[in-house]
Amino acid sequence: MAQRLHLVFGGELIDPSKTIFRNVDDIHIVGIFPNYETAHNAWKAEAQRTVDNAHMRYFIAHLHRLRDEEQVGSKTEEFGA
């Protein structure tokens, strides 16, 4: 079974309706997690911690999809298109 790594990261966006960070140098890397469940728990904790700032957003990146060029991308890759 392949390892399915997930990266949780976030930061302040220039506009809450877009996914462009205000300052890339200030992106908060929460961590890399061995499965979606632990990544989701970390994402949820950070999202709840920053709920009072409408410009803050956290994301889960599926790192395991970047390693397998044969695998079809997900619908999340279409965001911002």
PDB file of N, CA and C in Angstrom:
ATOM      1  N   MET A   1       0.846  -1.183   0.000  1.00  0.00           N
ATOM      2  CA  MET A   1       0.000   0.000   0.000  1.00  0.00           C
ATOM      3  C   MET A   1       0.891   1.246   0.000  1.00  0.00           C
ATOM      4  N   ALA A   2       0.561   2.190  -0.861  1.00  0.00           N
ATOM      5  CA  ALA A   2       1.329   3.427  -0.976  1.00  0.00           C
ATOM      6  C   ALA A   2       1.063   4.344   0.206  1.00  0.00           C
ATOM      7  N   GLN A   3       2.086   5.057   0.604  1.00  0.00           N
ATOM      8  CA  GLN A   3       1.926   6.037   1.674  1.00  0.00           C
ATOM      9  C   GLN A   3       1.260   7.279   1.101  1.00  0.00           C
ATOM     10  N   ARG A   4       0.254   7.799   1.789  1.00  0.00           N
ATOM     11  CA  ARG A   4      -0.513   8.943   1.297  1.00  0.00           C
ATOM     12  C   ARG A   4      -0.258  10.161   2.182  1.00  0.00           C
ATOM     13  N   LEU A   5       0.801  10.893   1.856  1.00  0.00           N
ATOM     14  CA  LEU A   5       1.190  12.069   2.644  1.00  0.00           C
ATOM     15  C   LEU A   5       0.322  13.271   2.309  1.00  0.00           C
ATOM     16  N   HIS A   6       0.044  14.086   3.331  1.00  0.00           N
ATOM     17  CA  HIS A   6      -0.762  15.299   3.183  1.00  0.00           C
ATOM     18  C   HIS A   6      -0.076  16.458   3.882  1.00  0.00           C
ATOM     19  N   LEU A   7      -0.044  17.596   3.211  1.00  0.00           N
ATOM     20  CA  LEU A   7       0.539  18.819   3.755  1.00  0.00           C
ATOM     21  C   LEU A   7      -0.583  19.763   4.157  1.00  0.00           C
ATOM     22  N   VAL A   8      -0.527  20.293   5.375  1.00  0.00           N
ATOM     23  CA  VAL A   8      -1.491  21.292   5.840  1.00  0.00           C
ATOM     24  C   VAL A   8      -0.752  22.614   5.956  1.00  0.00           C
ATOM     25  N   PHE A   9      -1.296  23.631   5.297  1.00  0.00           N
ATOM     26  CA  PHE A   9      -0.668  24.955   5.300  1.00  0.00           C
ATOM     27  C   PHE A   9      -1.759  26.013   5.163  1.00  0.00           C
ATOM     28  N   GLY A  10      -1.397  27.242   5.490  1.00  0.00           N
ATOM     29  CA  GLY A  10      -2.365  28.322   5.357  1.00  0.00           C
ATOM     30  C   GLY A  10      -1.735  29.662   5.600  1.00  0.00           C
ATOM     31  N   GLY A  11      -2.580  30.671   5.469  1.00  0.00           N
ATOM     32  CA  GLY A  11      -2.116  32.028   5.673  1.00  0.00           C
ATOM     33  C   GLY A  11      -3.201  33.018   5.324  1.00  0.00           C
ATOM     34  N   GLU A  12      -2.820  34.270   5.334  1.00  0.00           N
ATOM     35  CA  GLU A  12      -3.776  35.346   5.072  1.00  0.00           C
ATOM     36  C   GLU A  12      -3.888  35.581   3.565  1.00  0.00           C
ATOM     37  N   LEU A  13      -5.114  35.637   3.069  1.00  0.00           N
ATOM     38  CA  LEU A  13      -5.377  35.870   1.656  1.00  0.00           C
ATOM     39  C   LEU A  13      -5.621  37.349   1.394  1.00  0.00           C
ATOM     40  N   ILE A  14      -5.358  37.805   0.164  1.00  0.00           N
ATOM     41  CA  ILE A  14      -5.622  39.211  -0.159  1.00  0.00           C
ATOM     42  C   ILE A  14      -7.113  39.470  -0.293  1.00  0.00           C
ATOM     43  N   ASP A  15      -7.868  38.436  -0.632  1.00  0.00           N
ATOM     44  CA  ASP A  15      -9.316  38.535  -0.813  1.00  0.00           C
ATOM     45  C   ASP A  15      -9.907  37.182  -0.425  1.00  0.00           C
ATOM     46  N   PRO A  16     -10.886  37.150   0.488  1.00  0.00           N
ATOM     47  CA  PRO A  16     -11.436  35.867   0.924  1.00  0.00           C
ATOM     48  C   PRO A  16     -12.085  35.039  -0.184  1.00  0.00           C
ATOM     49  N   SER A  17     -12.407  35.658  -1.318  1.00  0.00           N
ATOM     50  CA  SER A  17     -13.038  34.919  -2.411  1.00  0.00           C
ATOM     51  C   SER A  17     -12.021  34.334  -3.388  1.00  0.00           C
ATOM     52  N   LYS A  18     -10.730  34.564  -3.132  1.00  0.00           N
ATOM     53  CA  LYS A  18      -9.669  34.040  -4.000  1.00  0.00           C
ATOM     54  C   LYS A  18      -8.661  33.260  -3.169  1.00  0.00           C
ATOM     55  N   THR A  19      -7.764  32.572  -3.832  1.00  0.00           N
ATOM     56  CA  THR A  19      -6.748  31.795  -3.110  1.00  0.00           C
ATOM     57  C   THR A  19      -5.352  32.345  -3.382  1.00  0.00           C
ATOM     58  N   ILE A  20      -5.202  33.669  -3.252  1.00  0.00           N
ATOM     59  CA  ILE A  20      -3.911  34.324  -3.422  1.00  0.00           C
ATOM     60  C   ILE A  20      -3.469  34.847  -2.059  1.00  0.00           C
ATOM     61  N   PHE A  21      -2.300  34.380  -1.616  1.00  0.00           N
ATOM     62  CA  PHE A  21      -1.806  34.769  -0.306  1.00  0.00           C
ATOM     63  C   PHE A  21      -1.307  36.214  -0.309  1.00  0.00           C
ATOM     64  N   ARG A  22      -1.567  36.911   0.805  1.00  0.00           N
ATOM     65  CA  ARG A  22      -1.108  38.291   0.962  1.00  0.00           C
ATOM     66  C   ARG A  22       0.423  38.350   0.947  1.00  0.00           C
ATOM     67  N   ASN A  23       1.060  37.444   1.665  1.00  0.00           N
ATOM     68  CA  ASN A  23       2.521  37.420   1.737  1.00  0.00           C
ATOM     69  C   ASN A  23       2.972  35.958   1.814  1.00  0.00           C
ATOM     70  N   VAL A  24       3.563  35.478   0.751  1.00  0.00           N
ATOM     71  CA  VAL A  24       3.988  34.080   0.684  1.00  0.00           C
ATOM     72  C   VAL A  24       5.006  33.746   1.775  1.00  0.00           C
ATOM     73  N   ASP A  25       5.806  34.723   2.181  1.00  0.00           N
ATOM     74  CA  ASP A  25       6.795  34.480   3.238  1.00  0.00           C
ATOM     75  C   ASP A  25       6.143  34.187   4.585  1.00  0.00           C
ATOM     76  N   ASP A  26       4.885  34.571   4.745  1.00  0.00           N
ATOM     77  CA  ASP A  26       4.178  34.359   6.007  1.00  0.00           C
ATOM     78  C   ASP A  26       3.282  33.118   6.009  1.00  0.00           C
ATOM     79  N   ILE A  27       3.376  32.278   4.982  1.00  0.00           N
ATOM     80  CA  ILE A  27       2.560  31.064   4.954  1.00  0.00           C
ATOM     81  C   ILE A  27       2.951  30.174   6.132  1.00  0.00           C
ATOM     82  N   HIS A  28       1.935  29.712   6.841  1.00  0.00           N
ATOM     83  CA  HIS A  28       2.135  28.853   8.012  1.00  0.00           C
ATOM     84  C   HIS A  28       2.086  27.390   7.560  1.00  0.00           C
ATOM     85  N   ILE A  29       3.209  26.695   7.686  1.00  0.00           N
ATOM     86  CA  ILE A  29       3.262  25.265   7.392  1.00  0.00           C
ATOM     87  C   ILE A  29       2.940  24.533   8.687  1.00  0.00           C
ATOM     88  N   VAL A  30       1.766  23.936   8.724  1.00  0.00           N
ATOM     89  CA  VAL A  30       1.337  23.219   9.930  1.00  0.00           C
ATOM     90  C   VAL A  30       2.110  21.913  10.044  1.00  0.00           C
ATOM     91  N   GLY A  31       2.228  21.191   8.923  1.00  0.00           N
ATOM     92  CA  GLY A  31       2.986  19.952   8.947  1.00  0.00           C
ATOM     93  C   GLY A  31       2.594  19.009   7.832  1.00  0.00           C
ATOM     94  N   ILE A  32       3.312  17.895   7.777  1.00  0.00           N
ATOM     95  CA  ILE A  32       3.038  16.820   6.830  1.00  0.00           C
ATOM     96  C   ILE A  32       2.514  15.643   7.645  1.00  0.00           C
ATOM     97  N   PHE A  33       1.426  15.051   7.160  1.00  0.00           N
ATOM     98  CA  PHE A  33       0.723  14.019   7.920  1.00  0.00           C
ATOM     99  C   PHE A  33       0.618  12.732   7.095  1.00  0.00           C
ATOM    100  N   PRO A  34       0.615  11.574   7.780  1.00  0.00           N
ATOM    101  CA  PRO A  34       0.671  10.290   7.084  1.00  0.00           C
ATOM    102  C   PRO A  34      -0.652   9.821   6.484  1.00  0.00           C
ATOM    103  N   ASN A  35      -1.749  10.494   6.819  1.00  0.00           N
ATOM    104  CA  ASN A  35      -3.048  10.101   6.263  1.00  0.00           C
ATOM    105  C   ASN A  35      -3.998  11.294   6.308  1.00  0.00           C
ATOM    106  N   TYR A  36      -5.101  11.173   5.590  1.00  0.00           N
ATOM    107  CA  TYR A  36      -6.032  12.284   5.474  1.00  0.00           C
ATOM    108  C   TYR A  36      -6.678  12.620   6.823  1.00  0.00           C
ATOM    109  N   GLU A  37      -6.981  11.628   7.622  1.00  0.00           N
ATOM    110  CA  GLU A  37      -7.659  11.873   8.901  1.00  0.00           C
ATOM    111  C   GLU A  37      -6.836  12.782   9.817  1.00  0.00           C
ATOM    112  N   THR A  38      -5.554  12.505   9.972  1.00  0.00           N
ATOM    113  CA  THR A  38      -4.738  13.355  10.842  1.00  0.00           C
ATOM    114  C   THR A  38      -4.518  14.734  10.216  1.00  0.00           C
ATOM    115  N   ALA A  39      -4.410  14.785   8.885  1.00  0.00           N
ATOM    116  CA  ALA A  39      -4.291  16.079   8.208  1.00  0.00           C
ATOM    117  C   ALA A  39      -5.565  16.901   8.409  1.00  0.00           C
ATOM    118  N   HIS A  40      -6.703  16.264   8.289  1.00  0.00           N
ATOM    119  CA  HIS A  40      -7.980  16.961   8.470  1.00  0.00           C
ATOM    120  C   HIS A  40      -8.118  17.486   9.894  1.00  0.00           C
ATOM    121  N   ASN A  41      -7.699  16.704  10.862  1.00  0.00           N
ATOM    122  CA  ASN A  41      -7.760  17.151  12.260  1.00  0.00           C
ATOM    123  C   ASN A  41      -6.872  18.378  12.483  1.00  0.00           C
ATOM    124  N   ALA A  42      -5.676  18.375  11.886  1.00  0.00           N
ATOM    125  CA  ALA A  42      -4.772  19.525  12.008  1.00  0.00           C
ATOM    126  C   ALA A  42      -5.350  20.737  11.287  1.00  0.00           C
ATOM    127  N   TRP A  43      -5.900  20.530  10.096  1.00  0.00           N
ATOM    128  CA  TRP A  43      -6.532  21.610   9.333  1.00  0.00           C
ATOM    129  C   TRP A  43      -7.675  22.229  10.138  1.00  0.00           C
ATOM    130  N   LYS A  44      -8.508  21.378  10.704  1.00  0.00           N
ATOM    131  CA  LYS A  44      -9.675  21.849  11.468  1.00  0.00           C
ATOM    132  C   LYS A  44      -9.235  22.671  12.684  1.00  0.00           C
ATOM    133  N   ALA A  45      -8.212  22.218  13.373  1.00  0.00           N
ATOM    134  CA  ALA A  45      -7.721  22.936  14.554  1.00  0.00           C
ATOM    135  C   ALA A  45      -7.229  24.328  14.171  1.00  0.00           C
ATOM    136  N   GLU A  46      -6.471  24.425  13.077  1.00  0.00           N
ATOM    137  CA  GLU A  46      -5.969  25.736  12.639  1.00  0.00           C
ATOM    138  C   GLU A  46      -7.096  26.625  12.127  1.00  0.00           C
ATOM    139  N   ALA A  47      -8.030  26.050  11.395  1.00  0.00           N
ATOM    140  CA  ALA A  47      -9.161  26.823  10.886  1.00  0.00           C
ATOM    141  C   ALA A  47      -9.996  27.372  12.044  1.00  0.00           C
ATOM    142  N   GLN A  48     -10.210  26.580  13.065  1.00  0.00           N
ATOM    143  CA  GLN A  48     -10.975  27.036  14.226  1.00  0.00           C
ATOM    144  C   GLN A  48     -10.205  28.083  15.020  1.00  0.00           C
ATOM    145  N   ARG A  49      -8.895  27.937  15.096  1.00  0.00           N
ATOM    146  CA  ARG A  49      -8.063  28.887  15.841  1.00  0.00           C
ATOM    147  C   ARG A  49      -8.099  30.274  15.197  1.00  0.00           C
ATOM    148  N   THR A  50      -8.242  30.324  13.881  1.00  0.00           N
ATOM    149  CA  THR A  50      -8.200  31.595  13.155  1.00  0.00           C
ATOM    150  C   THR A  50      -9.566  32.021  12.624  1.00  0.00           C
ATOM    151  N   VAL A  51     -10.640  31.475  13.170  1.00  0.00           N
ATOM    152  CA  VAL A  51     -11.989  31.705  12.653  1.00  0.00           C
ATOM    153  C   VAL A  51     -12.393  33.184  12.669  1.00  0.00           C
ATOM    154  N   ASP A  52     -11.817  33.988  13.546  1.00  0.00           N
ATOM    155  CA  ASP A  52     -12.185  35.405  13.639  1.00  0.00           C
ATOM    156  C   ASP A  52     -11.584  36.255  12.518  1.00  0.00           C
ATOM    157  N   ASN A  53     -10.662  35.714  11.751  1.00  0.00           N
ATOM    158  CA  ASN A  53     -10.051  36.449  10.647  1.00  0.00           C
ATOM    159  C   ASN A  53     -10.562  35.855   9.327  1.00  0.00           C
ATOM    160  N   ALA A  54     -11.457  36.579   8.659  1.00  0.00           N
ATOM    161  CA  ALA A  54     -12.070  36.082   7.422  1.00  0.00           C
ATOM    162  C   ALA A  54     -11.065  35.886   6.293  1.00  0.00           C
ATOM    163  N   HIS A  55      -9.897  36.501   6.392  1.00  0.00           N
ATOM    164  CA  HIS A  55      -8.896  36.383   5.342  1.00  0.00           C
ATOM    165  C   HIS A  55      -7.957  35.189   5.531  1.00  0.00           C
ATOM    166  N   MET A  56      -8.027  34.538   6.675  1.00  0.00           N
ATOM    167  CA  MET A  56      -7.162  33.385   6.935  1.00  0.00           C
ATOM    168  C   MET A  56      -7.797  32.123   6.368  1.00  0.00           C
ATOM    169  N   ARG A  57      -6.991  31.348   5.650  1.00  0.00           N
ATOM    170  CA  ARG A  57      -7.457  30.079   5.099  1.00  0.00           C
ATOM    171  C   ARG A  57      -6.366  29.032   5.256  1.00  0.00           C
ATOM    172  N   TYR A  58      -6.805  27.821   5.543  1.00  0.00           N
ATOM    173  CA  TYR A  58      -5.907  26.673   5.616  1.00  0.00           C
ATOM    174  C   TYR A  58      -6.335  25.656   4.582  1.00  0.00           C
ATOM    175  N   PHE A  59      -5.362  24.928   4.064  1.00  0.00           N
ATOM    176  CA  PHE A  59      -5.591  23.983   2.982  1.00  0.00           C
ATOM    177  C   PHE A  59      -4.915  22.657   3.284  1.00  0.00           C
ATOM    178  N   ILE A  60      -5.423  21.599   2.649  1.00  0.00           N
ATOM    179  CA  ILE A  60      -4.787  20.286   2.696  1.00  0.00           C
ATOM    180  C   ILE A  60      -4.331  19.967   1.279  1.00  0.00           C
ATOM    181  N   ALA A  61      -3.038  19.753   1.116  1.00  0.00           N
ATOM    182  CA  ALA A  61      -2.475  19.363  -0.182  1.00  0.00           C
ATOM    183  C   ALA A  61      -2.176  17.871  -0.138  1.00  0.00           C
ATOM    184  N   HIS A  62      -2.607  17.169  -1.155  1.00  0.00           N
ATOM    185  CA  HIS A  62      -2.408  15.726  -1.247  1.00  0.00           C
ATOM    186  C   HIS A  62      -1.047  15.455  -1.900  1.00  0.00           C
ATOM    187  N   LEU A  63      -0.011  15.399  -1.083  1.00  0.00           N
ATOM    188  CA  LEU A  63       1.349  15.229  -1.598  1.00  0.00           C
ATOM    189  C   LEU A  63       1.529  13.921  -2.351  1.00  0.00           C
ATOM    190  N   HIS A  64       0.818  12.891  -1.946  1.00  0.00           N
ATOM    191  CA  HIS A  64       0.960  11.598  -2.604  1.00  0.00           C
ATOM    192  C   HIS A  64       0.547  11.677  -4.072  1.00  0.00           C
ATOM    193  N   ARG A  65      -0.321  12.605  -4.429  1.00  0.00           N
ATOM    194  CA  ARG A  65      -0.726  12.760  -5.829  1.00  0.00           C
ATOM    195  C   ARG A  65       0.376  13.396  -6.666  1.00  0.00           C
ATOM    196  N   LEU A  66       1.235  14.170  -6.038  1.00  0.00           N
ATOM    197  CA  LEU A  66       2.345  14.781  -6.762  1.00  0.00           C
ATOM    198  C   LEU A  66       3.416  13.758  -7.135  1.00  0.00           C
ATOM    199  N   ARG A  67       3.499  12.692  -6.375  1.00  0.00           N
ATOM    200  CA  ARG A  67       4.522  11.675  -6.618  1.00  0.00           C
ATOM    201  C   ARG A  67       4.131  10.706  -7.720  1.00  0.00           C
ATOM    202  N   ASP A  68       2.862  10.557  -8.012  1.00  0.00           N
ATOM    203  CA  ASP A  68       2.390   9.587  -8.984  1.00  0.00           C
ATOM    204  C   ASP A  68       1.852  10.315 -10.208  1.00  0.00           C
ATOM    205  N   GLU A  69       2.675  10.436 -11.238  1.00  0.00           N
ATOM    206  CA  GLU A  69       2.277  11.179 -12.426  1.00  0.00           C
ATOM    207  C   GLU A  69       1.201  10.467 -13.236  1.00  0.00           C
ATOM    208  N   GLU A  70       0.990   9.200 -12.986  1.00  0.00           N
ATOM    209  CA  GLU A  70      -0.024   8.435 -13.712  1.00  0.00           C
ATOM    210  C   GLU A  70      -1.425   8.663 -13.144  1.00  0.00           C
ATOM    211  N   GLN A  71      -1.520   9.136 -11.905  1.00  0.00           N
ATOM    212  CA  GLN A  71      -2.811   9.295 -11.235  1.00  0.00           C
ATOM    213  C   GLN A  71      -3.501  10.568 -11.711  1.00  0.00           C
ATOM    214  N   VAL A  72      -4.787  10.459 -11.964  1.00  0.00           N
ATOM    215  CA  VAL A  72      -5.583  11.602 -12.403  1.00  0.00           C
ATOM    216  C   VAL A  72      -5.740  12.576 -11.249  1.00  0.00           C
ATOM    217  N   GLY A  73      -5.660  13.875 -11.548  1.00  0.00           N
ATOM    218  CA  GLY A  73      -5.804  14.912 -10.527  1.00  0.00           C
ATOM    219  C   GLY A  73      -7.222  14.997 -10.001  1.00  0.00           C
ATOM    220  N   SER A  74      -7.370  15.694  -8.883  1.00  0.00           N
ATOM    221  CA  SER A  74      -8.679  15.840  -8.260  1.00  0.00           C
ATOM    222  C   SER A  74      -9.354  17.116  -8.713  1.00  0.00           C
ATOM    223  N   LYS A  75     -10.620  17.256  -8.367  1.00  0.00           N
ATOM    224  CA  LYS A  75     -11.399  18.451  -8.678  1.00  0.00           C
ATOM    225  C   LYS A  75     -10.828  19.676  -7.967  1.00  0.00           C
ATOM    226  N   THR A  76     -10.133  19.504  -6.851  1.00  0.00           N
ATOM    227  CA  THR A  76      -9.596  20.648  -6.129  1.00  0.00           C
ATOM    228  C   THR A  76      -8.547  21.377  -6.943  1.00  0.00           C
ATOM    229  N   GLU A  77      -7.942  20.706  -7.923  1.00  0.00           N
ATOM    230  CA  GLU A  77      -6.954  21.367  -8.770  1.00  0.00           C
ATOM    231  C   GLU A  77      -7.586  22.414  -9.673  1.00  0.00           C
ATOM    232  N   GLU A  78      -8.905  22.373  -9.815  1.00  0.00           N
ATOM    233  CA  GLU A  78      -9.600  23.310 -10.682  1.00  0.00           C
ATOM    234  C   GLU A  78      -9.899  24.631  -9.980  1.00  0.00           C
ATOM    235  N   PHE A  79      -9.742  24.717  -8.667  1.00  0.00           N
ATOM    236  CA  PHE A  79     -10.002  25.956  -7.944  1.00  0.00           C
ATOM    237  C   PHE A  79      -9.092  27.046  -8.460  1.00  0.00           C
ATOM    238  N   GLY A  80      -9.643  28.229  -8.602  1.00  0.00           N
ATOM    239  CA  GLY A  80      -8.867  29.377  -9.040  1.00  0.00           C
ATOM    240  C   GLY A  80      -8.691  29.438 -10.551  1.00  0.00           C
ATOM    241  N   ALA A  81      -9.246  28.476 -11.259  1.00  0.00           N
ATOM    242  CA  ALA A  81      -9.106  28.461 -12.729  1.00  0.00           C
ATOM    243  C   ALA A  81     -10.083  29.436 -13.379  1.00  0.00           C
TER     244      ALA A  81
END
